[in-house]
């Protein structure tokens, strides 16, 4: 999958702009994320690719920027990871409600569960669904903070 750019120089002639290193690097990331989305979500995941690719590039850019000595690692702060997780969680819920309407609520009641346990199961599933955002953002924050701290300590020793 090549993302070469074409510029029209006349009505009948087109020229291909030669790739530079940045374009090659972005194409490698593009193909890598595209393959991951295609392997995990199939052809139905294609419409979510821009969101996933943008999130990947945001986190990658913030982490690479944090590796520069005396710079600031944006993703090592809980509010940043929480905001990204909350934005994706909100978009996921809106898309789920638009697609499944009232059947979206069946997510909170496992199939085959006894009806007598419905209030307890729905409460437990709803709480775990809501706290997933917090737990994922804390995990991302902790992994990034510990990794950057470890690398800075090792860089100081050397």
Protein backbone atom coordinates (compact mmCIF):
# COMPACT_ATOMS: atom_id res chain seq x y z
CA UNK A 1 0.00 0.00 0.00
CA UNK A 2 1.88 3.04 -1.24
CA UNK A 3 0.85 6.58 -0.43
CA UNK A 4 2.82 8.28 -3.20
CA UNK A 5 1.64 11.78 -4.09
CA UNK A 6 0.91 12.75 -7.67
CA UNK A 7 1.19 16.32 -8.93
CA UNK A 8 -0.28 17.34 -12.23
CA UNK A 9 2.21 19.33 -14.29
CA UNK A 10 0.11 19.46 -17.45
CA UNK A 11 -3.10 17.97 -18.70
CA UNK A 12 -1.46 14.78 -19.94
CA UNK A 13 1.62 14.46 -17.76
CA UNK A 14 1.84 13.40 -14.12
CA UNK A 15 4.99 13.03 -12.09
CA UNK A 16 5.63 11.05 -8.96
CA UNK A 17 7.25 12.88 -6.11
CA UNK A 18 10.14 10.86 -4.78
CA UNK A 19 9.74 9.60 -1.24
CA UNK A 20 11.80 11.06 1.50
CA UNK A 21 12.62 9.50 4.86
CA UNK A 22 9.67 11.07 6.70
CA UNK A 23 7.14 9.81 4.18
CA UNK A 24 8.67 6.34 4.33
CA UNK A 25 8.54 6.36 8.12
CA UNK A 26 4.90 7.48 8.19
CA UNK A 27 4.00 4.82 5.63
CA UNK A 28 5.63 2.16 7.80
CA UNK A 29 3.56 3.27 10.80
CA UNK A 30 0.46 3.49 8.61
CA UNK A 31 0.87 -0.04 7.30
CA UNK A 32 1.69 -1.42 10.75
CA UNK A 33 -1.43 0.07 12.36
CA UNK A 34 -3.53 -0.87 9.32
CA UNK A 35 -2.40 -4.50 9.59
CA UNK A 36 -3.14 -4.59 13.32
CA UNK A 37 -6.62 -3.14 12.79
CA UNK A 38 -7.30 -5.52 9.89
CA UNK A 39 -6.12 -8.58 11.85
CA UNK A 40 -8.18 -7.72 14.93
CA UNK A 41 -11.32 -6.14 13.48
CA UNK A 42 -11.39 -7.32 9.88
CA UNK A 43 -12.92 -5.23 7.14
CA UNK A 44 -15.53 -3.77 9.53
CA UNK A 45 -12.74 -2.08 11.51
CA UNK A 46 -11.69 -0.01 8.51
CA UNK A 47 -14.02 2.85 9.48
CA UNK A 48 -12.32 3.11 12.88
CA UNK A 49 -8.82 3.21 11.41
CA UNK A 50 -8.46 7.04 11.42
CA UNK A 51 -9.28 7.19 15.15
CA UNK A 52 -6.90 4.35 16.00
CA UNK A 53 -4.10 5.69 13.80
CA UNK A 54 -4.44 9.22 15.21
CA UNK A 55 -4.37 7.91 18.78
CA UNK A 56 -1.32 5.78 18.00
CA UNK A 57 0.54 8.70 16.42
CA UNK A 58 -0.38 11.03 19.32
CA UNK A 59 0.96 8.64 21.94
CA UNK A 60 4.03 7.83 19.84
CA UNK A 61 4.84 11.51 19.26
CA UNK A 62 4.41 12.36 22.95
CA UNK A 63 6.65 9.46 23.99
CA UNK A 64 9.37 10.26 21.47
CA UNK A 65 9.28 13.91 22.54
CA UNK A 66 9.69 12.77 26.14
CA UNK A 67 12.91 10.93 25.28
CA UNK A 68 14.73 14.18 24.52
CA UNK A 69 16.89 15.16 27.50
CA UNK A 70 15.36 17.86 29.73
CA UNK A 71 12.05 17.65 27.92
CA UNK A 72 8.57 17.06 29.22
CA UNK A 73 6.78 13.74 28.82
CA UNK A 74 3.13 14.64 28.28
CA UNK A 75 1.80 11.10 28.57
CA UNK A 76 3.43 10.58 31.96
CA UNK A 77 0.64 12.63 33.53
CA UNK A 78 -2.56 10.93 34.55
CA UNK A 79 -4.86 13.70 33.30
CA UNK A 80 -3.56 13.34 29.73
CA UNK A 81 -4.01 9.57 29.59
CA UNK A 82 -7.40 9.87 31.32
CA UNK A 83 -8.57 12.49 28.80
CA UNK A 84 -7.54 10.34 25.84
CA UNK A 85 -9.20 7.26 27.39
CA UNK A 86 -12.38 9.24 28.21
CA UNK A 87 -12.61 10.64 24.68
CA UNK A 88 -12.28 7.18 23.13
CA UNK A 89 -14.70 5.69 25.68
CA UNK A 90 -17.28 8.40 24.90
CA UNK A 91 -16.92 7.90 21.14
CA UNK A 92 -17.21 4.14 21.56
CA UNK A 93 -20.41 4.46 23.58
CA UNK A 94 -21.98 6.94 21.17
CA UNK A 95 -21.21 4.67 18.20
CA UNK A 96 -22.50 1.63 20.12
CA UNK A 97 -25.76 3.34 21.03
CA UNK A 98 -26.27 4.63 17.48
CA UNK A 99 -25.67 1.18 16.02
CA UNK A 100 -27.43 -1.08 18.53
CA UNK A 101 -30.05 1.30 20.04
CA UNK A 102 -31.67 -0.31 23.08
CA UNK A 103 -29.81 -3.60 22.51
CA UNK A 104 -26.67 -1.77 23.65
CA UNK A 105 -27.90 -2.24 27.23
CA UNK A 106 -27.74 -6.03 26.80
CA UNK A 107 -23.99 -5.55 27.24
CA UNK A 108 -24.61 -5.29 30.99
CA UNK A 109 -26.52 -8.56 31.32
CA UNK A 110 -24.59 -11.69 30.27
CA UNK A 111 -26.59 -14.16 28.15
CA UNK A 112 -27.72 -17.27 29.97
CA UNK A 113 -27.59 -15.64 33.41
CA UNK A 114 -30.52 -16.26 35.78
CA UNK A 115 -33.08 -13.45 35.78
CA UNK A 116 -33.10 -13.38 39.60
CA UNK A 117 -29.48 -12.17 39.57
CA UNK A 118 -30.19 -9.41 37.04
CA UNK A 119 -30.03 -6.44 39.44
CA UNK A 120 -26.75 -7.56 40.96
CA UNK A 121 -25.15 -8.56 37.64
CA UNK A 122 -26.20 -5.35 35.88
CA UNK A 123 -24.77 -3.27 38.74
CA UNK A 124 -21.47 -5.17 38.74
CA UNK A 125 -21.14 -5.06 34.94
CA UNK A 126 -21.99 -1.35 34.81
CA UNK A 127 -19.44 -0.46 37.50
CA UNK A 128 -16.72 -2.53 35.81
CA UNK A 129 -17.61 -0.94 32.44
CA UNK A 130 -17.30 2.59 33.84
CA UNK A 131 -14.10 1.94 35.79
CA UNK A 132 -12.43 0.40 32.74
CA UNK A 133 -11.59 3.93 31.56
CA UNK A 134 -9.89 4.76 34.84
CA UNK A 135 -7.99 1.49 35.05
CA UNK A 136 -6.72 1.68 31.45
CA UNK A 137 -5.60 5.28 31.85
CA UNK A 138 -3.81 4.51 35.13
CA UNK A 139 -2.07 1.49 33.53
CA UNK A 140 -0.90 3.55 30.56
CA UNK A 141 0.25 6.36 32.86
CA UNK A 142 2.12 3.97 35.17
CA UNK A 143 3.83 2.12 32.30
CA UNK A 144 4.96 5.31 30.61
CA UNK A 145 6.06 6.98 33.83
CA UNK A 146 8.08 3.98 34.96
CA UNK A 147 9.66 3.46 31.54
CA UNK A 148 10.71 7.08 31.18
CA UNK A 149 11.96 7.23 34.76
CA UNK A 150 14.02 4.07 34.25
CA UNK A 151 15.53 5.39 31.01
CA UNK A 152 16.40 8.73 32.60
CA UNK A 153 18.03 6.99 35.55
CA UNK A 154 20.08 4.79 33.21
CA UNK A 155 21.01 7.81 31.10
CA UNK A 156 22.16 9.65 34.24
CA UNK A 157 24.40 6.73 35.24
CA UNK A 158 26.03 6.59 31.85
